[in-house]
Amino acid sequence: MMHKTYYVYILANKPGGLLYVGVTNNLKLRIEQHKTRIVSGFTKQYNIHTLVYYEMTENIISAITREKELKNWHRSWKIRLIKTGNPNWNDLSKEF
């Protein structure tokens, strides 16, 4: 059986700026879609395309559950989570 990887990710428009939480099974393609502004809506409207945080799992249910959990978090909690692993708010999509 082939395992799929699912990603829960956070995008920002600038350090400490607007945040967007999403889930996908192809992080590279999804970030490319955000950066080229193919995706209509909130991220396109506010130019949110910097990948500042992501998590991986092999279970779609846990990925969706985690996405919902992060979306319900207080903004300060999300910022703390980002700063813990990415204190300079670097664009992590440059890793791939």
PDB file of N, CA and C in Angstrom:
ATOM      1  N   MET A   1       0.838  -1.191   0.000  1.00  0.00           N
ATOM      2  CA  MET A   1       0.000   0.000   0.000  1.00  0.00           C
ATOM      3  C   MET A   1       0.881   1.252   0.000  1.00  0.00           C
ATOM      4  N   MET A   2       0.563   2.190  -0.887  1.00  0.00           N
ATOM      5  CA  MET A   2       1.332   3.416  -0.991  1.00  0.00           C
ATOM      6  C   MET A   2       0.839   4.439   0.038  1.00  0.00           C
ATOM      7  N   HIS A   3       1.775   5.036   0.735  1.00  0.00           N
ATOM      8  CA  HIS A   3       1.421   6.035   1.743  1.00  0.00           C
ATOM      9  C   HIS A   3       1.451   7.420   1.128  1.00  0.00           C
ATOM     10  N   LYS A   4       0.453   8.219   1.441  1.00  0.00           N
ATOM     11  CA  LYS A   4       0.411   9.608   1.029  1.00  0.00           C
ATOM     12  C   LYS A   4       0.827  10.463   2.211  1.00  0.00           C
ATOM     13  N   THR A   5       1.387  11.590   1.892  1.00  0.00           N
ATOM     14  CA  THR A   5       1.733  12.552   2.927  1.00  0.00           C
ATOM     15  C   THR A   5       0.790  13.739   2.803  1.00  0.00           C
ATOM     16  N   TYR A   6       0.277  14.184   3.927  1.00  0.00           N
ATOM     17  CA  TYR A   6      -0.607  15.338   3.978  1.00  0.00           C
ATOM     18  C   TYR A   6       0.068  16.421   4.801  1.00  0.00           C
ATOM     19  N   TYR A   7      -0.188  17.655   4.433  1.00  0.00           N
ATOM     20  CA  TYR A   7       0.468  18.791   5.075  1.00  0.00           C
ATOM     21  C   TYR A   7      -0.567  19.766   5.610  1.00  0.00           C
ATOM     22  N   VAL A   8      -0.336  20.231   6.808  1.00  0.00           N
ATOM     23  CA  VAL A   8      -1.073  21.349   7.377  1.00  0.00           C
ATOM     24  C   VAL A   8      -0.065  22.491   7.368  1.00  0.00           C
ATOM     25  N   TYR A   9      -0.457  23.630   6.820  1.00  0.00           N
ATOM     26  CA  TYR A   9       0.524  24.701   6.632  1.00  0.00           C
ATOM     27  C   TYR A   9      -0.040  26.057   7.037  1.00  0.00           C
ATOM     28  N   ILE A  10       0.886  26.959   7.326  1.00  0.00           N
ATOM     29  CA  ILE A  10       0.517  28.337   7.636  1.00  0.00           C
ATOM     30  C   ILE A  10       1.294  29.247   6.689  1.00  0.00           C
ATOM     31  N   LEU A  11       0.562  30.156   6.056  1.00  0.00           N
ATOM     32  CA  LEU A  11       1.149  31.178   5.195  1.00  0.00           C
ATOM     33  C   LEU A  11       1.014  32.531   5.884  1.00  0.00           C
ATOM     34  N   ALA A  12       1.925  33.439   5.557  1.00  0.00           N
ATOM     35  CA  ALA A  12       1.854  34.810   6.070  1.00  0.00           C
ATOM     36  C   ALA A  12       2.164  35.778   4.933  1.00  0.00           C
ATOM     37  N   ASN A  13       1.688  37.005   5.062  1.00  0.00           N
ATOM     38  CA  ASN A  13       2.026  38.014   4.055  1.00  0.00           C
ATOM     39  C   ASN A  13       3.266  38.807   4.461  1.00  0.00           C
ATOM     40  N   LYS A  14       3.620  38.762   5.751  1.00  0.00           N
ATOM     41  CA  LYS A  14       4.839  39.396   6.274  1.00  0.00           C
ATOM     42  C   LYS A  14       5.003  38.921   7.708  1.00  0.00           C
ATOM     43  N   PRO A  15       6.183  39.065   8.289  1.00  0.00           N
ATOM     44  CA  PRO A  15       6.359  38.653   9.693  1.00  0.00           C
ATOM     45  C   PRO A  15       5.336  39.348  10.607  1.00  0.00           C
ATOM     46  N   GLY A  16       4.598  38.549  11.345  1.00  0.00           N
ATOM     47  CA  GLY A  16       3.592  39.089  12.249  1.00  0.00           C
ATOM     48  C   GLY A  16       2.352  39.603  11.549  1.00  0.00           C
ATOM     49  N   GLY A  17       2.247  39.368  10.238  1.00  0.00           N
ATOM     50  CA  GLY A  17       1.124  39.879   9.451  1.00  0.00           C
ATOM     51  C   GLY A  17      -0.061  38.938   9.436  1.00  0.00           C
ATOM     52  N   LEU A  18      -0.795  38.991   8.342  1.00  0.00           N
ATOM     53  CA  LEU A  18      -1.967  38.146   8.179  1.00  0.00           C
ATOM     54  C   LEU A  18      -1.546  36.692   8.021  1.00  0.00           C
ATOM     55  N   LEU A  19      -2.355  35.787   8.556  1.00  0.00           N
ATOM     56  CA  LEU A  19      -2.051  34.362   8.514  1.00  0.00           C
ATOM     57  C   LEU A  19      -3.169  33.588   7.822  1.00  0.00           C
ATOM     58  N   TYR A  20      -2.784  32.500   7.174  1.00  0.00           N
ATOM     59  CA  TYR A  20      -3.729  31.605   6.528  1.00  0.00           C
ATOM     60  C   TYR A  20      -3.320  30.177   6.861  1.00  0.00           C
ATOM     61  N   VAL A  21      -4.277  29.358   7.279  1.00  0.00           N
ATOM     62  CA  VAL A  21      -4.033  27.950   7.599  1.00  0.00           C
ATOM     63  C   VAL A  21      -4.728  27.099   6.543  1.00  0.00           C
ATOM     64  N   GLY A  22      -3.997  26.115   5.999  1.00  0.00           N
ATOM     65  CA  GLY A  22      -4.569  25.241   4.984  1.00  0.00           C
ATOM     66  C   GLY A  22      -4.079  23.813   5.129  1.00  0.00           C
ATOM     67  N   VAL A  23      -4.633  22.927   4.286  1.00  0.00           N
ATOM     68  CA  VAL A  23      -4.230  21.527   4.267  1.00  0.00           C
ATOM     69  C   VAL A  23      -4.144  21.090   2.803  1.00  0.00           C
ATOM     70  N   THR A  24      -3.192  20.210   2.495  1.00  0.00           N
ATOM     71  CA  THR A  24      -3.005  19.730   1.132  1.00  0.00           C
ATOM     72  C   THR A  24      -2.249  18.407   1.144  1.00  0.00           C
ATOM     73  N   ASN A  25      -2.292  17.711   0.025  1.00  0.00           N
ATOM     74  CA  ASN A  25      -1.484  16.503  -0.106  1.00  0.00           C
ATOM     75  C   ASN A  25      -0.291  16.747  -1.043  1.00  0.00           C
ATOM     76  N   ASN A  26      -0.169  17.978  -1.564  1.00  0.00           N
ATOM     77  CA  ASN A  26       0.957  18.339  -2.419  1.00  0.00           C
ATOM     78  C   ASN A  26       1.381  19.761  -2.059  1.00  0.00           C
ATOM     79  N   LEU A  27       2.237  19.876  -1.070  1.00  0.00           N
ATOM     80  CA  LEU A  27       2.609  21.191  -0.542  1.00  0.00           C
ATOM     81  C   LEU A  27       3.306  22.052  -1.588  1.00  0.00           C
ATOM     82  N   LYS A  28       4.216  21.464  -2.327  1.00  0.00           N
ATOM     83  CA  LYS A  28       4.949  22.233  -3.335  1.00  0.00           C
ATOM     84  C   LYS A  28       3.997  22.865  -4.357  1.00  0.00           C
ATOM     85  N   LEU A  29       3.093  22.069  -4.899  1.00  0.00           N
ATOM     86  CA  LEU A  29       2.126  22.576  -5.874  1.00  0.00           C
ATOM     87  C   LEU A  29       1.205  23.614  -5.252  1.00  0.00           C
ATOM     88  N   ARG A  30       0.738  23.352  -4.050  1.00  0.00           N
ATOM     89  CA  ARG A  30      -0.202  24.281  -3.401  1.00  0.00           C
ATOM     90  C   ARG A  30       0.444  25.635  -3.134  1.00  0.00           C
ATOM     91  N   ILE A  31       1.695  25.629  -2.680  1.00  0.00           N
ATOM     92  CA  ILE A  31       2.384  26.895  -2.424  1.00  0.00           C
ATOM     93  C   ILE A  31       2.617  27.636  -3.737  1.00  0.00           C
ATOM     94  N   GLU A  32       2.962  26.890  -4.777  1.00  0.00           N
ATOM     95  CA  GLU A  32       3.128  27.481  -6.113  1.00  0.00           C
ATOM     96  C   GLU A  32       1.826  28.162  -6.552  1.00  0.00           C
ATOM     97  N   GLN A  33       0.706  27.523  -6.295  1.00  0.00           N
ATOM     98  CA  GLN A  33      -0.591  28.108  -6.643  1.00  0.00           C
ATOM     99  C   GLN A  33      -0.840  29.396  -5.865  1.00  0.00           C
ATOM    100  N   HIS A  34      -0.473  29.415  -4.587  1.00  0.00           N
ATOM    101  CA  HIS A  34      -0.631  30.643  -3.794  1.00  0.00           C
ATOM    102  C   HIS A  34       0.297  31.739  -4.315  1.00  0.00           C
ATOM    103  N   LYS A  35       1.545  31.402  -4.592  1.00  0.00           N
ATOM    104  CA  LYS A  35       2.525  32.396  -5.037  1.00  0.00           C
ATOM    105  C   LYS A  35       2.176  32.998  -6.402  1.00  0.00           C
ATOM    106  N   THR A  36       1.604  32.188  -7.285  1.00  0.00           N
ATOM    107  CA  THR A  36       1.229  32.692  -8.605  1.00  0.00           C
ATOM    108  C   THR A  36      -0.184  33.262  -8.616  1.00  0.00           C
ATOM    109  N   ARG A  37      -0.809  33.256  -7.464  1.00  0.00           N
ATOM    110  CA  ARG A  37      -2.121  33.860  -7.251  1.00  0.00           C
ATOM    111  C   ARG A  37      -3.220  33.214  -8.081  1.00  0.00           C
ATOM    112  N   ILE A  38      -3.058  31.928  -8.363  1.00  0.00           N
ATOM    113  CA  ILE A  38      -4.072  31.157  -9.079  1.00  0.00           C
ATOM    114  C   ILE A  38      -5.276  30.913  -8.173  1.00  0.00           C
ATOM    115  N   VAL A  39      -5.010  30.800  -6.883  1.00  0.00           N
ATOM    116  CA  VAL A  39      -6.054  30.502  -5.905  1.00  0.00           C
ATOM    117  C   VAL A  39      -6.798  31.791  -5.562  1.00  0.00           C
ATOM    118  N   SER A  40      -8.077  31.839  -5.889  1.00  0.00           N
ATOM    119  CA  SER A  40      -8.887  33.014  -5.570  1.00  0.00           C
ATOM    120  C   SER A  40      -9.228  33.010  -4.085  1.00  0.00           C
ATOM    121  N   GLY A  41      -9.515  34.176  -3.574  1.00  0.00           N
ATOM    122  CA  GLY A  41      -9.964  34.282  -2.192  1.00  0.00           C
ATOM    123  C   GLY A  41      -9.015  35.073  -1.316  1.00  0.00           C
ATOM    124  N   PHE A  42      -9.008  34.713  -0.049  1.00  0.00           N
ATOM    125  CA  PHE A  42      -8.298  35.448   0.999  1.00  0.00           C
ATOM    126  C   PHE A  42      -6.810  35.619   0.699  1.00  0.00           C
ATOM    127  N   THR A  43      -6.133  34.531   0.321  1.00  0.00           N
ATOM    128  CA  THR A  43      -4.677  34.619   0.106  1.00  0.00           C
ATOM    129  C   THR A  43      -4.342  35.490  -1.092  1.00  0.00           C
ATOM    130  N   LYS A  44      -5.137  35.429  -2.124  1.00  0.00           N
ATOM    131  CA  LYS A  44      -4.912  36.264  -3.303  1.00  0.00           C
ATOM    132  C   LYS A  44      -5.204  37.729  -2.980  1.00  0.00           C
ATOM    133  N   GLN A  45      -6.304  37.966  -2.309  1.00  0.00           N
ATOM    134  CA  GLN A  45      -6.730  39.327  -1.978  1.00  0.00           C
ATOM    135  C   GLN A  45      -5.703  40.060  -1.118  1.00  0.00           C
ATOM    136  N   TYR A  46      -5.090  39.333  -0.165  1.00  0.00           N
ATOM    137  CA  TYR A  46      -4.170  39.969   0.771  1.00  0.00           C
ATOM    138  C   TYR A  46      -2.706  39.598   0.542  1.00  0.00           C
ATOM    139  N   ASN A  47      -2.418  38.995  -0.624  1.00  0.00           N
ATOM    140  CA  ASN A  47      -1.044  38.668  -1.008  1.00  0.00           C
ATOM    141  C   ASN A  47      -0.330  37.819   0.053  1.00  0.00           C
ATOM    142  N   ILE A  48      -0.994  36.771   0.479  1.00  0.00           N
ATOM    143  CA  ILE A  48      -0.461  35.877   1.507  1.00  0.00           C
ATOM    144  C   ILE A  48       0.115  34.650   0.814  1.00  0.00           C
ATOM    145  N   HIS A  49       1.448  34.546   0.774  1.00  0.00           N
ATOM    146  CA  HIS A  49       2.054  33.434   0.039  1.00  0.00           C
ATOM    147  C   HIS A  49       3.376  32.938   0.627  1.00  0.00           C
ATOM    148  N   THR A  50       3.780  33.430   1.772  1.00  0.00           N
ATOM    149  CA  THR A  50       5.025  32.984   2.391  1.00  0.00           C
ATOM    150  C   THR A  50       4.745  31.818   3.329  1.00  0.00           C
ATOM    151  N   LEU A  51       5.331  30.668   3.030  1.00  0.00           N
ATOM    152  CA  LEU A  51       5.164  29.478   3.869  1.00  0.00           C
ATOM    153  C   LEU A  51       6.036  29.639   5.111  1.00  0.00           C
ATOM    154  N   VAL A  52       5.403  29.793   6.274  1.00  0.00           N
ATOM    155  CA  VAL A  52       6.158  30.029   7.505  1.00  0.00           C
ATOM    156  C   VAL A  52       6.117  28.844   8.471  1.00  0.00           C
ATOM    157  N   TYR A  53       5.227  27.882   8.197  1.00  0.00           N
ATOM    158  CA  TYR A  53       5.112  26.719   9.089  1.00  0.00           C
ATOM    159  C   TYR A  53       4.396  25.600   8.345  1.00  0.00           C
ATOM    160  N   TYR A  54       4.818  24.358   8.611  1.00  0.00           N
ATOM    161  CA  TYR A  54       4.062  23.213   8.116  1.00  0.00           C
ATOM    162  C   TYR A  54       4.330  21.983   8.955  1.00  0.00           C
ATOM    163  N   GLU A  55       3.356  21.086   8.943  1.00  0.00           N
ATOM    164  CA  GLU A  55       3.434  19.792   9.618  1.00  0.00           C
ATOM    165  C   GLU A  55       3.069  18.729   8.592  1.00  0.00           C
ATOM    166  N   MET A  56       3.591  17.520   8.771  1.00  0.00           N
ATOM    167  CA  MET A  56       3.288  16.409   7.880  1.00  0.00           C
ATOM    168  C   MET A  56       2.636  15.275   8.656  1.00  0.00           C
ATOM    169  N   THR A  57       1.755  14.554   7.973  1.00  0.00           N
ATOM    170  CA  THR A  57       1.132  13.356   8.526  1.00  0.00           C
ATOM    171  C   THR A  57       0.768  12.430   7.367  1.00  0.00           C
ATOM    172  N   GLU A  58       0.580  11.162   7.653  1.00  0.00           N
ATOM    173  CA  GLU A  58       0.151  10.208   6.627  1.00  0.00           C
ATOM    174  C   GLU A  58      -1.340   9.915   6.720  1.00  0.00           C
ATOM    175  N   ASN A  59      -2.041  10.671   7.548  1.00  0.00           N
ATOM    176  CA  ASN A  59      -3.458  10.415   7.780  1.00  0.00           C
ATOM    177  C   ASN A  59      -4.262  11.670   7.457  1.00  0.00           C
ATOM    178  N   ILE A  60      -5.141  11.591   6.457  1.00  0.00           N
ATOM    179  CA  ILE A  60      -5.929  12.757   6.047  1.00  0.00           C
ATOM    180  C   ILE A  60      -6.853  13.238   7.150  1.00  0.00           C
ATOM    181  N   ILE A  61      -7.403  12.316   7.924  1.00  0.00           N
ATOM    182  CA  ILE A  61      -8.307  12.715   9.016  1.00  0.00           C
ATOM    183  C   ILE A  61      -7.555  13.541  10.053  1.00  0.00           C
ATOM    184  N   SER A  62      -6.353  13.102  10.428  1.00  0.00           N
ATOM    185  CA  SER A  62      -5.581  13.869  11.419  1.00  0.00           C
ATOM    186  C   SER A  62      -5.135  15.204  10.834  1.00  0.00           C
ATOM    187  N   ALA A  63      -4.863  15.254   9.526  1.00  0.00           N
ATOM    188  CA  ALA A  63      -4.473  16.519   8.905  1.00  0.00           C
ATOM    189  C   ALA A  63      -5.629  17.524   8.945  1.00  0.00           C
ATOM    190  N   ILE A  64      -6.812  17.067   8.592  1.00  0.00           N
ATOM    191  CA  ILE A  64      -7.981  17.953   8.605  1.00  0.00           C
ATOM    192  C   ILE A  64      -8.329  18.374  10.030  1.00  0.00           C
ATOM    193  N   THR A  65      -8.221  17.441  10.962  1.00  0.00           N
ATOM    194  CA  THR A  65      -8.478  17.757  12.371  1.00  0.00           C
ATOM    195  C   THR A  65      -7.506  18.820  12.872  1.00  0.00           C
ATOM    196  N   ARG A  66      -6.231  18.655  12.530  1.00  0.00           N
ATOM    197  CA  ARG A  66      -5.207  19.622  12.960  1.00  0.00           C
ATOM    198  C   ARG A  66      -5.433  20.980  12.301  1.00  0.00           C
ATOM    199  N   GLU A  67      -5.813  20.990  11.030  1.00  0.00           N
ATOM    200  CA  GLU A  67      -6.107  22.254  10.353  1.00  0.00           C
ATOM    201  C   GLU A  67      -7.223  22.997  11.086  1.00  0.00           C
ATOM    202  N   LYS A  68      -8.291  22.287  11.406  1.00  0.00           N
ATOM    203  CA  LYS A  68      -9.410  22.908  12.123  1.00  0.00           C
ATOM    204  C   LYS A  68      -8.971  23.415  13.490  1.00  0.00           C
ATOM    205  N   GLU A  69      -8.131  22.624  14.158  1.00  0.00           N
ATOM    206  CA  GLU A  69      -7.627  23.023  15.469  1.00  0.00           C
ATOM    207  C   GLU A  69      -6.836  24.333  15.362  1.00  0.00           C
ATOM    208  N   LEU A  70      -5.906  24.395  14.398  1.00  0.00           N
ATOM    209  CA  LEU A  70      -5.097  25.609  14.237  1.00  0.00           C
ATOM    210  C   LEU A  70      -5.957  26.809  13.847  1.00  0.00           C
ATOM    211  N   LYS A  71      -6.952  26.589  13.015  1.00  0.00           N
ATOM    212  CA  LYS A  71      -7.834  27.694  12.622  1.00  0.00           C
ATOM    213  C   LYS A  71      -8.585  28.262  13.823  1.00  0.00           C
ATOM    214  N   ASN A  72      -8.834  27.420  14.824  1.00  0.00           N
ATOM    215  CA  ASN A  72      -9.553  27.878  16.020  1.00  0.00           C
ATOM    216  C   ASN A  72      -8.636  28.447  17.104  1.00  0.00           C
ATOM    217  N   TRP A  73      -7.337  28.320  16.909  1.00  0.00           N
ATOM    218  CA  TRP A  73      -6.385  28.864  17.872  1.00  0.00           C
ATOM    219  C   TRP A  73      -6.429  30.391  17.883  1.00  0.00           C
ATOM    220  N   HIS A  74      -6.060  30.957  19.026  1.00  0.00           N
ATOM    221  CA  HIS A  74      -5.854  32.399  19.108  1.00  0.00           C
ATOM    222  C   HIS A  74      -4.667  32.766  18.225  1.00  0.00           C
ATOM    223  N   ARG A  75      -4.709  33.934  17.671  1.00  0.00           N
ATOM    224  CA  ARG A  75      -3.626  34.415  16.809  1.00  0.00           C
ATOM    225  C   ARG A  75      -2.272  34.334  17.517  1.00  0.00           C
ATOM    226  N   SER A  76      -2.225  34.712  18.766  1.00  0.00           N
ATOM    227  CA  SER A  76      -0.957  34.705  19.515  1.00  0.00           C
ATOM    228  C   SER A  76      -0.376  33.296  19.618  1.00  0.00           C
ATOM    229  N   TRP A  77      -1.230  32.289  19.714  1.00  0.00           N
ATOM    230  CA  TRP A  77      -0.756  30.903  19.778  1.00  0.00           C
ATOM    231  C   TRP A  77      -0.115  30.502  18.451  1.00  0.00           C
ATOM    232  N   LYS A  78      -0.739  30.906  17.334  1.00  0.00           N
ATOM    233  CA  LYS A  78      -0.192  30.596  16.007  1.00  0.00           C
ATOM    234  C   LYS A  78       1.162  31.279  15.819  1.00  0.00           C
ATOM    235  N   ILE A  79       1.245  32.517  16.238  1.00  0.00           N
ATOM    236  CA  ILE A  79       2.511  33.258  16.109  1.00  0.00           C
ATOM    237  C   ILE A  79       3.591  32.590  16.944  1.00  0.00           C
ATOM    238  N   ARG A  80       3.263  32.164  18.145  1.00  0.00           N
ATOM    239  CA  ARG A  80       4.231  31.460  18.998  1.00  0.00           C
ATOM    240  C   ARG A  80       4.687  30.154  18.337  1.00  0.00           C
ATOM    241  N   LEU A  81       3.755  29.419  17.735  1.00  0.00           N
ATOM    242  CA  LEU A  81       4.079  28.177  17.037  1.00  0.00           C
ATOM    243  C   LEU A  81       5.049  28.450  15.881  1.00  0.00           C
ATOM    244  N   ILE A  82       4.779  29.482  15.116  1.00  0.00           N
ATOM    245  CA  ILE A  82       5.653  29.846  13.994  1.00  0.00           C
ATOM    246  C   ILE A  82       7.034  30.235  14.504  1.00  0.00           C
ATOM    247  N   LYS A  83       7.078  31.110  15.501  1.00  0.00           N
ATOM    248  CA  LYS A  83       8.357  31.603  16.022  1.00  0.00           C
ATOM    249  C   LYS A  83       9.210  30.498  16.636  1.00  0.00           C
ATOM    250  N   THR A  84       8.570  29.465  17.170  1.00  0.00           N
ATOM    251  CA  THR A  84       9.315  28.364  17.775  1.00  0.00           C
ATOM    252  C   THR A  84      10.180  27.650  16.743  1.00  0.00           C
ATOM    253  N   GLY A  85       9.631  27.394  15.568  1.00  0.00           N
ATOM    254  CA  GLY A  85      10.379  26.673  14.539  1.00  0.00           C
ATOM    255  C   GLY A  85      10.972  27.553  13.459  1.00  0.00           C
ATOM    256  N   ASN A  86      10.510  28.799  13.372  1.00  0.00           N
ATOM    257  CA  ASN A  86      10.932  29.691  12.302  1.00  0.00           C
ATOM    258  C   ASN A  86      10.959  31.132  12.829  1.00  0.00           C
ATOM    259  N   PRO A  87      11.893  31.431  13.734  1.00  0.00           N
ATOM    260  CA  PRO A  87      11.892  32.737  14.407  1.00  0.00           C
ATOM    261  C   PRO A  87      12.054  33.934  13.469  1.00  0.00           C
ATOM    262  N   ASN A  88      12.644  33.738  12.309  1.00  0.00           N
ATOM    263  CA  ASN A  88      12.846  34.845  11.368  1.00  0.00           C
ATOM    264  C   ASN A  88      11.769  34.915  10.289  1.00  0.00           C
ATOM    265  N   TRP A  89      10.764  34.052  10.397  1.00  0.00           N
ATOM    266  CA  TRP A  89       9.660  34.026   9.441  1.00  0.00           C
ATOM    267  C   TRP A  89      10.179  33.830   8.017  1.00  0.00           C
ATOM    268  N   ASN A  90      11.175  32.951   7.864  1.00  0.00           N
ATOM    269  CA  ASN A  90      11.717  32.642   6.538  1.00  0.00           C
ATOM    270  C   ASN A  90      10.679  31.920   5.693  1.00  0.00           C
ATOM    271  N   ASP A  91      10.818  32.034   4.385  1.00  0.00           N
ATOM    272  CA  ASP A  91       9.940  31.316   3.459  1.00  0.00           C
ATOM    273  C   ASP A  91      10.435  29.883   3.338  1.00  0.00           C
ATOM    274  N   LEU A  92       9.744  28.966   3.997  1.00  0.00           N
ATOM    275  CA  LEU A  92      10.164  27.566   4.040  1.00  0.00           C
ATOM    276  C   LEU A  92       9.983  26.853   2.704  1.00  0.00           C
ATOM    277  N   SER A  93       9.268  27.455   1.777  1.00  0.00           N
ATOM    278  CA  SER A  93       9.088  26.821   0.471  1.00  0.00           C
ATOM    279  C   SER A  93      10.379  26.820  -0.324  1.00  0.00           C
ATOM    280  N   LYS A  94      11.335  27.600   0.074  1.00  0.00           N
ATOM    281  CA  LYS A  94      12.640  27.622  -0.607  1.00  0.00           C
ATOM    282  C   LYS A  94      13.406  26.331  -0.365  1.00  0.00           C
ATOM    283  N   GLU A  95      12.926  25.492   0.579  1.00  0.00           N
ATOM    284  CA  GLU A  95      13.554  24.207   0.868  1.00  0.00           C
ATOM    285  C   GLU A  95      13.271  23.196  -0.227  1.00  0.00           C
ATOM    286  N   PHE A  96      12.253  23.441  -1.057  1.00  0.00           N
ATOM    287  CA  PHE A  96      11.925  22.474  -2.115  1.00  0.00           C
ATOM    288  C   PHE A  96      11.705  23.132  -3.454  1.00  0.00           C
TER     289      PHE A  96
END
